[in-house]
Amino acid sequence: MSATATPSTEPASDEMSKEERLKSYLLTKAQDGEMYFKSKFIADEVGLSPKEIGALMVKLSDSASELTVEKWSYTSATTWRIEPAQDTA
């Protein structure tokens, strides 16, 4: 019997998921207040396709308690509006 190690297909634990990477980017950009953007204009900065960003923005609108995410305009491509979430405490 040989004891060969099987390479893991799991991402390294220090590698951020796509969702975490986008959320981190948006939190940084929204520090000074609201921000409006189209996915295609930030795609290169976050290393994701516009389609991936659009899908993740829908998820983040429900799950990111630190951000307020809103679909703001639907002309040609969706414009997203984000701002830091207001503390309710």
PDB file of N, CA and C in Angstrom:
ATOM      1  N   MET A   1       0.831  -1.171   0.000  1.00  0.00           N
ATOM      2  CA  MET A   1       0.000   0.000   0.000  1.00  0.00           C
ATOM      3  C   MET A   1       0.882   1.244   0.000  1.00  0.00           C
ATOM      4  N   SER A   2       0.574   2.175  -0.866  1.00  0.00           N
ATOM      5  CA  SER A   2       1.366   3.403  -0.876  1.00  0.00           C
ATOM      6  C   SER A   2       0.571   4.515  -0.214  1.00  0.00           C
ATOM      7  N   ALA A   3       1.294   5.392   0.402  1.00  0.00           N
ATOM      8  CA  ALA A   3       0.640   6.514   1.090  1.00  0.00           C
ATOM      9  C   ALA A   3       0.882   7.793   0.295  1.00  0.00           C
ATOM     10  N   THR A   4       0.135   7.946  -0.778  1.00  0.00           N
ATOM     11  CA  THR A   4       0.269   9.163  -1.588  1.00  0.00           C
ATOM     12  C   THR A   4      -0.754  10.186  -1.138  1.00  0.00           C
ATOM     13  N   ALA A   5      -0.305  11.401  -1.072  1.00  0.00           N
ATOM     14  CA  ALA A   5      -1.212  12.481  -0.686  1.00  0.00           C
ATOM     15  C   ALA A   5      -2.058  12.875  -1.884  1.00  0.00           C
ATOM     16  N   THR A   6      -3.326  13.029  -1.644  1.00  0.00           N
ATOM     17  CA  THR A   6      -4.232  13.484  -2.696  1.00  0.00           C
ATOM     18  C   THR A   6      -4.310  15.003  -2.625  1.00  0.00           C
ATOM     19  N   PRO A   7      -4.041  15.677  -3.746  1.00  0.00           N
ATOM     20  CA  PRO A   7      -4.121  17.141  -3.701  1.00  0.00           C
ATOM     21  C   PRO A   7      -5.540  17.600  -3.385  1.00  0.00           C
ATOM     22  N   SER A   8      -5.623  18.588  -2.557  1.00  0.00           N
ATOM     23  CA  SER A   8      -6.924  19.113  -2.147  1.00  0.00           C
ATOM     24  C   SER A   8      -7.476  20.059  -3.201  1.00  0.00           C
ATOM     25  N   THR A   9      -8.772  19.961  -3.431  1.00  0.00           N
ATOM     26  CA  THR A   9      -9.414  20.883  -4.367  1.00  0.00           C
ATOM     27  C   THR A   9     -10.055  22.044  -3.612  1.00  0.00           C
ATOM     28  N   GLU A  10      -9.925  22.025  -2.285  1.00  0.00           N
ATOM     29  CA  GLU A  10     -10.473  23.110  -1.476  1.00  0.00           C
ATOM     30  C   GLU A  10      -9.574  24.333  -1.595  1.00  0.00           C
ATOM     31  N   PRO A  11     -10.161  25.535  -1.641  1.00  0.00           N
ATOM     32  CA  PRO A  11      -9.336  26.741  -1.684  1.00  0.00           C
ATOM     33  C   PRO A  11      -8.597  26.926  -0.367  1.00  0.00           C
ATOM     34  N   ALA A  12      -7.462  27.578  -0.415  1.00  0.00           N
ATOM     35  CA  ALA A  12      -6.696  27.840   0.793  1.00  0.00           C
ATOM     36  C   ALA A  12      -7.549  28.652   1.762  1.00  0.00           C
ATOM     37  N   SER A  13      -7.372  28.386   3.044  1.00  0.00           N
ATOM     38  CA  SER A  13      -8.229  29.049   4.025  1.00  0.00           C
ATOM     39  C   SER A  13      -8.009  30.560   4.075  1.00  0.00           C
ATOM     40  N   ASP A  14      -6.822  31.030   3.638  1.00  0.00           N
ATOM     41  CA  ASP A  14      -6.571  32.469   3.662  1.00  0.00           C
ATOM     42  C   ASP A  14      -7.048  33.162   2.386  1.00  0.00           C
ATOM     43  N   GLU A  15      -7.534  32.382   1.440  1.00  0.00           N
ATOM     44  CA  GLU A  15      -8.048  32.959   0.193  1.00  0.00           C
ATOM     45  C   GLU A  15      -9.501  33.373   0.403  1.00  0.00           C
ATOM     46  N   MET A  16      -9.805  34.625   0.074  1.00  0.00           N
ATOM     47  CA  MET A  16     -11.171  35.123   0.267  1.00  0.00           C
ATOM     48  C   MET A  16     -12.092  34.570  -0.813  1.00  0.00           C
ATOM     49  N   SER A  17     -13.323  34.269  -0.425  1.00  0.00           N
ATOM     50  CA  SER A  17     -14.309  33.841  -1.409  1.00  0.00           C
ATOM     51  C   SER A  17     -14.670  35.039  -2.278  1.00  0.00           C
ATOM     52  N   LYS A  18     -15.319  34.776  -3.395  1.00  0.00           N
ATOM     53  CA  LYS A  18     -15.740  35.859  -4.290  1.00  0.00           C
ATOM     54  C   LYS A  18     -16.649  36.832  -3.555  1.00  0.00           C
ATOM     55  N   GLU A  19     -17.566  36.289  -2.787  1.00  0.00           N
ATOM     56  CA  GLU A  19     -18.505  37.132  -2.047  1.00  0.00           C
ATOM     57  C   GLU A  19     -17.777  37.991  -1.016  1.00  0.00           C
ATOM     58  N   GLU A  20     -16.828  37.379  -0.290  1.00  0.00           N
ATOM     59  CA  GLU A  20     -16.067  38.133   0.709  1.00  0.00           C
ATOM     60  C   GLU A  20     -15.228  39.225   0.057  1.00  0.00           C
ATOM     61  N   ARG A  21     -14.640  38.899  -1.100  1.00  0.00           N
ATOM     62  CA  ARG A  21     -13.801  39.867  -1.821  1.00  0.00           C
ATOM     63  C   ARG A  21     -14.630  41.074  -2.262  1.00  0.00           C
ATOM     64  N   LEU A  22     -15.810  40.816  -2.812  1.00  0.00           N
ATOM     65  CA  LEU A  22     -16.686  41.901  -3.255  1.00  0.00           C
ATOM     66  C   LEU A  22     -17.172  42.719  -2.057  1.00  0.00           C
ATOM     67  N   LYS A  23     -17.572  42.044  -0.996  1.00  0.00           N
ATOM     68  CA  LYS A  23     -18.061  42.735   0.198  1.00  0.00           C
ATOM     69  C   LYS A  23     -16.975  43.633   0.786  1.00  0.00           C
ATOM     70  N   SER A  24     -15.763  43.135   0.866  1.00  0.00           N
ATOM     71  CA  SER A  24     -14.645  43.917   1.385  1.00  0.00           C
ATOM     72  C   SER A  24     -14.399  45.157   0.528  1.00  0.00           C
ATOM     73  N   TYR A  25     -14.430  44.977  -0.787  1.00  0.00           N
ATOM     74  CA  TYR A  25     -14.246  46.095  -1.720  1.00  0.00           C
ATOM     75  C   TYR A  25     -15.337  47.146  -1.504  1.00  0.00           C
ATOM     76  N   LEU A  26     -16.575  46.706  -1.410  1.00  0.00           N
ATOM     77  CA  LEU A  26     -17.697  47.634  -1.257  1.00  0.00           C
ATOM     78  C   LEU A  26     -17.663  48.363   0.087  1.00  0.00           C
ATOM     79  N   LEU A  27     -17.289  47.653   1.144  1.00  0.00           N
ATOM     80  CA  LEU A  27     -17.186  48.294   2.455  1.00  0.00           C
ATOM     81  C   LEU A  27     -16.133  49.396   2.438  1.00  0.00           C
ATOM     82  N   THR A  28     -15.015  49.136   1.775  1.00  0.00           N
ATOM     83  CA  THR A  28     -13.952  50.137   1.656  1.00  0.00           C
ATOM     84  C   THR A  28     -14.439  51.348   0.880  1.00  0.00           C
ATOM     85  N   LYS A  29     -15.098  51.106  -0.244  1.00  0.00           N
ATOM     86  CA  LYS A  29     -15.573  52.197  -1.094  1.00  0.00           C
ATOM     87  C   LYS A  29     -16.694  53.002  -0.440  1.00  0.00           C
ATOM     88  N   ALA A  30     -17.469  52.369   0.419  1.00  0.00           N
ATOM     89  CA  ALA A  30     -18.624  53.041   1.022  1.00  0.00           C
ATOM     90  C   ALA A  30     -18.290  53.735   2.341  1.00  0.00           C
ATOM     91  N   GLN A  31     -17.038  53.695   2.753  1.00  0.00           N
ATOM     92  CA  GLN A  31     -16.668  54.296   4.036  1.00  0.00           C
ATOM     93  C   GLN A  31     -17.043  55.770   4.131  1.00  0.00           C
ATOM     94  N   ASP A  32     -16.919  56.495   3.032  1.00  0.00           N
ATOM     95  CA  ASP A  32     -17.190  57.933   3.046  1.00  0.00           C
ATOM     96  C   ASP A  32     -18.642  58.273   2.730  1.00  0.00           C
ATOM     97  N   GLY A  33     -19.490  57.280   2.610  1.00  0.00           N
ATOM     98  CA  GLY A  33     -20.899  57.523   2.306  1.00  0.00           C
ATOM     99  C   GLY A  33     -21.368  56.686   1.141  1.00  0.00           C
ATOM    100  N   GLU A  34     -22.451  57.106   0.520  1.00  0.00           N
ATOM    101  CA  GLU A  34     -23.050  56.307  -0.543  1.00  0.00           C
ATOM    102  C   GLU A  34     -22.179  56.276  -1.794  1.00  0.00           C
ATOM    103  N   MET A  35     -22.377  55.220  -2.572  1.00  0.00           N
ATOM    104  CA  MET A  35     -21.637  55.020  -3.813  1.00  0.00           C
ATOM    105  C   MET A  35     -22.590  54.407  -4.825  1.00  0.00           C
ATOM    106  N   TYR A  36     -22.507  54.864  -6.054  1.00  0.00           N
ATOM    107  CA  TYR A  36     -23.286  54.303  -7.159  1.00  0.00           C
ATOM    108  C   TYR A  36     -22.304  53.685  -8.139  1.00  0.00           C
ATOM    109  N   PHE A  37     -22.631  52.500  -8.680  1.00  0.00           N
ATOM    110  CA  PHE A  37     -21.723  51.875  -9.642  1.00  0.00           C
ATOM    111  C   PHE A  37     -22.466  50.885 -10.519  1.00  0.00           C
ATOM    112  N   LYS A  38     -21.862  50.570 -11.638  1.00  0.00           N
ATOM    113  CA  LYS A  38     -22.311  49.489 -12.514  1.00  0.00           C
ATOM    114  C   LYS A  38     -21.277  48.372 -12.405  1.00  0.00           C
ATOM    115  N   SER A  39     -21.735  47.141 -12.417  1.00  0.00           N
ATOM    116  CA  SER A  39     -20.850  45.992 -12.250  1.00  0.00           C
ATOM    117  C   SER A  39     -19.690  45.999 -13.232  1.00  0.00           C
ATOM    118  N   LYS A  40     -19.968  46.370 -14.480  1.00  0.00           N
ATOM    119  CA  LYS A  40     -18.920  46.308 -15.501  1.00  0.00           C
ATOM    120  C   LYS A  40     -17.772  47.266 -15.220  1.00  0.00           C
ATOM    121  N   PHE A  41     -18.019  48.321 -14.433  1.00  0.00           N
ATOM    122  CA  PHE A  41     -16.966  49.294 -14.157  1.00  0.00           C
ATOM    123  C   PHE A  41     -16.092  48.927 -12.965  1.00  0.00           C
ATOM    124  N   ILE A  42     -16.510  47.983 -12.138  1.00  0.00           N
ATOM    125  CA  ILE A  42     -15.672  47.559 -11.011  1.00  0.00           C
ATOM    126  C   ILE A  42     -15.152  46.133 -11.184  1.00  0.00           C
ATOM    127  N   ALA A  43     -15.552  45.472 -12.262  1.00  0.00           N
ATOM    128  CA  ALA A  43     -15.206  44.062 -12.472  1.00  0.00           C
ATOM    129  C   ALA A  43     -13.700  43.807 -12.390  1.00  0.00           C
ATOM    130  N   ASP A  44     -12.904  44.621 -13.071  1.00  0.00           N
ATOM    131  CA  ASP A  44     -11.456  44.411 -13.059  1.00  0.00           C
ATOM    132  C   ASP A  44     -10.861  44.631 -11.671  1.00  0.00           C
ATOM    133  N   GLU A  45     -11.379  45.605 -10.948  1.00  0.00           N
ATOM    134  CA  GLU A  45     -10.847  45.915  -9.618  1.00  0.00           C
ATOM    135  C   GLU A  45     -11.061  44.783  -8.622  1.00  0.00           C
ATOM    136  N   VAL A  46     -12.155  44.054  -8.754  1.00  0.00           N
ATOM    137  CA  VAL A  46     -12.437  42.964  -7.814  1.00  0.00           C
ATOM    138  C   VAL A  46     -12.131  41.588  -8.392  1.00  0.00           C
ATOM    139  N   GLY A  47     -11.743  41.541  -9.662  1.00  0.00           N
ATOM    140  CA  GLY A  47     -11.377  40.269 -10.278  1.00  0.00           C
ATOM    141  C   GLY A  47     -12.554  39.341 -10.519  1.00  0.00           C
ATOM    142  N   LEU A  48     -13.716  39.911 -10.801  1.00  0.00           N
ATOM    143  CA  LEU A  48     -14.920  39.129 -11.079  1.00  0.00           C
ATOM    144  C   LEU A  48     -15.552  39.632 -12.362  1.00  0.00           C
ATOM    145  N   SER A  49     -16.382  38.801 -12.973  1.00  0.00           N
ATOM    146  CA  SER A  49     -17.098  39.241 -14.171  1.00  0.00           C
ATOM    147  C   SER A  49     -18.301  40.085 -13.737  1.00  0.00           C
ATOM    148  N   PRO A  50     -18.786  40.952 -14.622  1.00  0.00           N
ATOM    149  CA  PRO A  50     -19.991  41.726 -14.287  1.00  0.00           C
ATOM    150  C   PRO A  50     -21.172  40.832 -13.905  1.00  0.00           C
ATOM    151  N   LYS A  51     -21.286  39.689 -14.558  1.00  0.00           N
ATOM    152  CA  LYS A  51     -22.381  38.758 -14.255  1.00  0.00           C
ATOM    153  C   LYS A  51     -22.242  38.202 -12.830  1.00  0.00           C
ATOM    154  N   GLU A  52     -20.997  37.852 -12.447  1.00  0.00           N
ATOM    155  CA  GLU A  52     -20.765  37.353 -11.086  1.00  0.00           C
ATOM    156  C   GLU A  52     -21.096  38.434 -10.056  1.00  0.00           C
ATOM    157  N   ILE A  53     -20.691  39.665 -10.352  1.00  0.00           N
ATOM    158  CA  ILE A  53     -20.966  40.769  -9.431  1.00  0.00           C
ATOM    159  C   ILE A  53     -22.468  40.958  -9.272  1.00  0.00           C
ATOM    160  N   GLY A  54     -23.208  40.940 -10.378  1.00  0.00           N
ATOM    161  CA  GLY A  54     -24.659  41.093 -10.312  1.00  0.00           C
ATOM    162  C   GLY A  54     -25.312  40.038  -9.438  1.00  0.00           C
ATOM    163  N   ALA A  55     -24.886  38.788  -9.601  1.00  0.00           N
ATOM    164  CA  ALA A  55     -25.450  37.696  -8.799  1.00  0.00           C
ATOM    165  C   ALA A  55     -25.085  37.858  -7.324  1.00  0.00           C
ATOM    166  N   LEU A  56     -23.848  38.259  -7.064  1.00  0.00           N
ATOM    167  CA  LEU A  56     -23.418  38.434  -5.681  1.00  0.00           C
ATOM    168  C   LEU A  56     -24.076  39.644  -5.021  1.00  0.00           C
ATOM    169  N   MET A  57     -24.366  40.675  -5.791  1.00  0.00           N
ATOM    170  CA  MET A  57     -25.022  41.861  -5.227  1.00  0.00           C
ATOM    171  C   MET A  57     -26.416  41.513  -4.709  1.00  0.00           C
ATOM    172  N   VAL A  58     -27.112  40.637  -5.421  1.00  0.00           N
ATOM    173  CA  VAL A  58     -28.436  40.197  -4.960  1.00  0.00           C
ATOM    174  C   VAL A  58     -28.288  39.475  -3.620  1.00  0.00           C
ATOM    175  N   LYS A  59     -27.271  38.603  -3.514  1.00  0.00           N
ATOM    176  CA  LYS A  59     -27.020  37.898  -2.259  1.00  0.00           C
ATOM    177  C   LYS A  59     -26.660  38.868  -1.141  1.00  0.00           C
ATOM    178  N   LEU A  60     -25.760  39.813  -1.461  1.00  0.00           N
ATOM    179  CA  LEU A  60     -25.306  40.760  -0.447  1.00  0.00           C
ATOM    180  C   LEU A  60     -26.432  41.673   0.033  1.00  0.00           C
ATOM    181  N   SER A  61     -27.386  41.949  -0.842  1.00  0.00           N
ATOM    182  CA  SER A  61     -28.495  42.819  -0.427  1.00  0.00           C
ATOM    183  C   SER A  61     -29.294  42.180   0.709  1.00  0.00           C
ATOM    184  N   ASP A  62     -29.271  40.849   0.778  1.00  0.00           N
ATOM    185  CA  ASP A  62     -29.972  40.139   1.851  1.00  0.00           C
ATOM    186  C   ASP A  62     -29.080  39.819   3.047  1.00  0.00           C
ATOM    187  N   SER A  63     -27.781  39.592   2.787  1.00  0.00           N
ATOM    188  CA  SER A  63     -26.929  39.056   3.841  1.00  0.00           C
ATOM    189  C   SER A  63     -25.943  40.038   4.464  1.00  0.00           C
ATOM    190  N   ALA A  64     -25.597  41.104   3.794  1.00  0.00           N
ATOM    191  CA  ALA A  64     -24.574  42.018   4.316  1.00  0.00           C
ATOM    192  C   ALA A  64     -25.194  43.039   5.262  1.00  0.00           C
ATOM    193  N   SER A  65     -25.095  42.778   6.547  1.00  0.00           N
ATOM    194  CA  SER A  65     -25.701  43.685   7.525  1.00  0.00           C
ATOM    195  C   SER A  65     -24.935  45.003   7.649  1.00  0.00           C
ATOM    196  N   GLU A  66     -23.687  45.025   7.176  1.00  0.00           N
ATOM    197  CA  GLU A  66     -22.869  46.238   7.269  1.00  0.00           C
ATOM    198  C   GLU A  66     -23.149  47.219   6.138  1.00  0.00           C
ATOM    199  N   LEU A  67     -23.865  46.762   5.103  1.00  0.00           N
ATOM    200  CA  LEU A  67     -24.132  47.586   3.929  1.00  0.00           C
ATOM    201  C   LEU A  67     -25.623  47.660   3.631  1.00  0.00           C
ATOM    202  N   THR A  68     -26.037  48.792   3.109  1.00  0.00           N
ATOM    203  CA  THR A  68     -27.365  48.912   2.529  1.00  0.00           C
ATOM    204  C   THR A  68     -27.165  48.828   1.025  1.00  0.00           C
ATOM    205  N   VAL A  69     -27.776  47.840   0.384  1.00  0.00           N
ATOM    206  CA  VAL A  69     -27.612  47.608  -1.056  1.00  0.00           C
ATOM    207  C   VAL A  69     -28.962  47.813  -1.726  1.00  0.00           C
ATOM    208  N   GLU A  70     -28.960  48.586  -2.797  1.00  0.00           N
ATOM    209  CA  GLU A  70     -30.208  48.896  -3.490  1.00  0.00           C
ATOM    210  C   GLU A  70     -29.987  48.890  -5.001  1.00  0.00           C
ATOM    211  N   LYS A  71     -30.883  48.206  -5.730  1.00  0.00           N
ATOM    212  CA  LYS A  71     -30.890  48.331  -7.192  1.00  0.00           C
ATOM    213  C   LYS A  71     -31.444  49.708  -7.472  1.00  0.00           C
ATOM    214  N   TRP A  72     -30.663  50.533  -8.140  1.00  0.00           N
ATOM    215  CA  TRP A  72     -31.053  51.922  -8.249  1.00  0.00           C
ATOM    216  C   TRP A  72     -31.578  52.291  -9.626  1.00  0.00           C
ATOM    217  N   SER A  73     -31.035  51.701 -10.677  1.00  0.00           N
ATOM    218  CA  SER A  73     -31.459  52.029 -12.037  1.00  0.00           C
ATOM    219  C   SER A  73     -31.287  50.801 -12.912  1.00  0.00           C
ATOM    220  N   TYR A  74     -32.169  50.629 -13.874  1.00  0.00           N
ATOM    221  CA  TYR A  74     -32.133  49.445 -14.728  1.00  0.00           C
ATOM    222  C   TYR A  74     -31.807  49.774 -16.182  1.00  0.00           C
ATOM    223  N   THR A  75     -31.333  50.966 -16.479  1.00  0.00           N
ATOM    224  CA  THR A  75     -31.050  51.331 -17.873  1.00  0.00           C
ATOM    225  C   THR A  75     -29.786  50.644 -18.358  1.00  0.00           C
ATOM    226  N   SER A  76     -29.840  49.975 -19.447  1.00  0.00           N
ATOM    227  CA  SER A  76     -28.758  49.232 -20.113  1.00  0.00           C
ATOM    228  C   SER A  76     -28.024  48.241 -19.214  1.00  0.00           C
ATOM    229  N   ALA A  77     -27.662  48.629 -18.034  1.00  0.00           N
ATOM    230  CA  ALA A  77     -27.071  47.724 -17.050  1.00  0.00           C
ATOM    231  C   ALA A  77     -27.499  48.253 -15.687  1.00  0.00           C
ATOM    232  N   THR A  78     -27.682  47.364 -14.750  1.00  0.00           N
ATOM    233  CA  THR A  78     -28.145  47.786 -13.433  1.00  0.00           C
ATOM    234  C   THR A  78     -27.128  48.690 -12.760  1.00  0.00           C
ATOM    235  N   THR A  79     -27.603  49.778 -12.214  1.00  0.00           N
ATOM    236  CA  THR A  79     -26.776  50.625 -11.359  1.00  0.00           C
ATOM    237  C   THR A  79     -27.117  50.250  -9.925  1.00  0.00           C
ATOM    238  N   TRP A  80     -26.086  50.027  -9.125  1.00  0.00           N
ATOM    239  CA  TRP A  80     -26.274  49.665  -7.728  1.00  0.00           C
ATOM    240  C   TRP A  80     -25.933  50.863  -6.851  1.00  0.00           C
ATOM    241  N   ARG A  81     -26.665  51.005  -5.775  1.00  0.00           N
ATOM    242  CA  ARG A  81     -26.380  52.041  -4.778  1.00  0.00           C
ATOM    243  C   ARG A  81     -26.061  51.333  -3.473  1.00  0.00           C
ATOM    244  N   ILE A  82     -24.935  51.695  -2.879  1.00  0.00           N
ATOM    245  CA  ILE A  82     -24.572  51.125  -1.579  1.00  0.00           C
ATOM    246  C   ILE A  82     -24.227  52.253  -0.621  1.00  0.00           C
ATOM    247  N   GLU A  83     -24.397  51.971   0.638  1.00  0.00           N
ATOM    248  CA  GLU A  83     -23.957  52.879   1.692  1.00  0.00           C
ATOM    249  C   GLU A  83     -23.781  52.057   2.956  1.00  0.00           C
ATOM    250  N   PRO A  84     -22.976  52.552   3.885  1.00  0.00           N
ATOM    251  CA  PRO A  84     -22.840  51.813   5.144  1.00  0.00           C
ATOM    252  C   PRO A  84     -24.204  51.723   5.827  1.00  0.00           C
ATOM    253  N   ALA A  85     -24.486  50.586   6.421  1.00  0.00           N
ATOM    254  CA  ALA A  85     -25.764  50.404   7.117  1.00  0.00           C
ATOM    255  C   ALA A  85     -25.803  51.308   8.335  1.00  0.00           C
ATOM    256  N   GLN A  86     -26.959  51.846   8.617  1.00  0.00           N
ATOM    257  CA  GLN A  86     -27.133  52.708   9.787  1.00  0.00           C
ATOM    258  C   GLN A  86     -27.299  51.834  11.021  1.00  0.00           C
ATOM    259  N   ASP A  87     -26.605  52.195  12.086  1.00  0.00           N
ATOM    260  CA  ASP A  87     -26.760  51.466  13.345  1.00  0.00           C
ATOM    261  C   ASP A  87     -28.132  51.772  13.923  1.00  0.00           C
ATOM    262  N   THR A  88     -28.820  50.721  14.340  1.00  0.00           N
ATOM    263  CA  THR A  88     -30.151  50.908  14.909  1.00  0.00           C
ATOM    264  C   THR A  88     -30.107  50.891  16.434  1.00  0.00           C
ATOM    265  N   ALA A  89     -28.892  50.822  16.985  1.00  0.00           N
ATOM    266  CA  ALA A  89     -28.756  50.763  18.449  1.00  0.00           C
ATOM    267  C   ALA A  89     -28.851  52.123  19.082  1.00  0.00           C
TER     268      ALA A  89
END
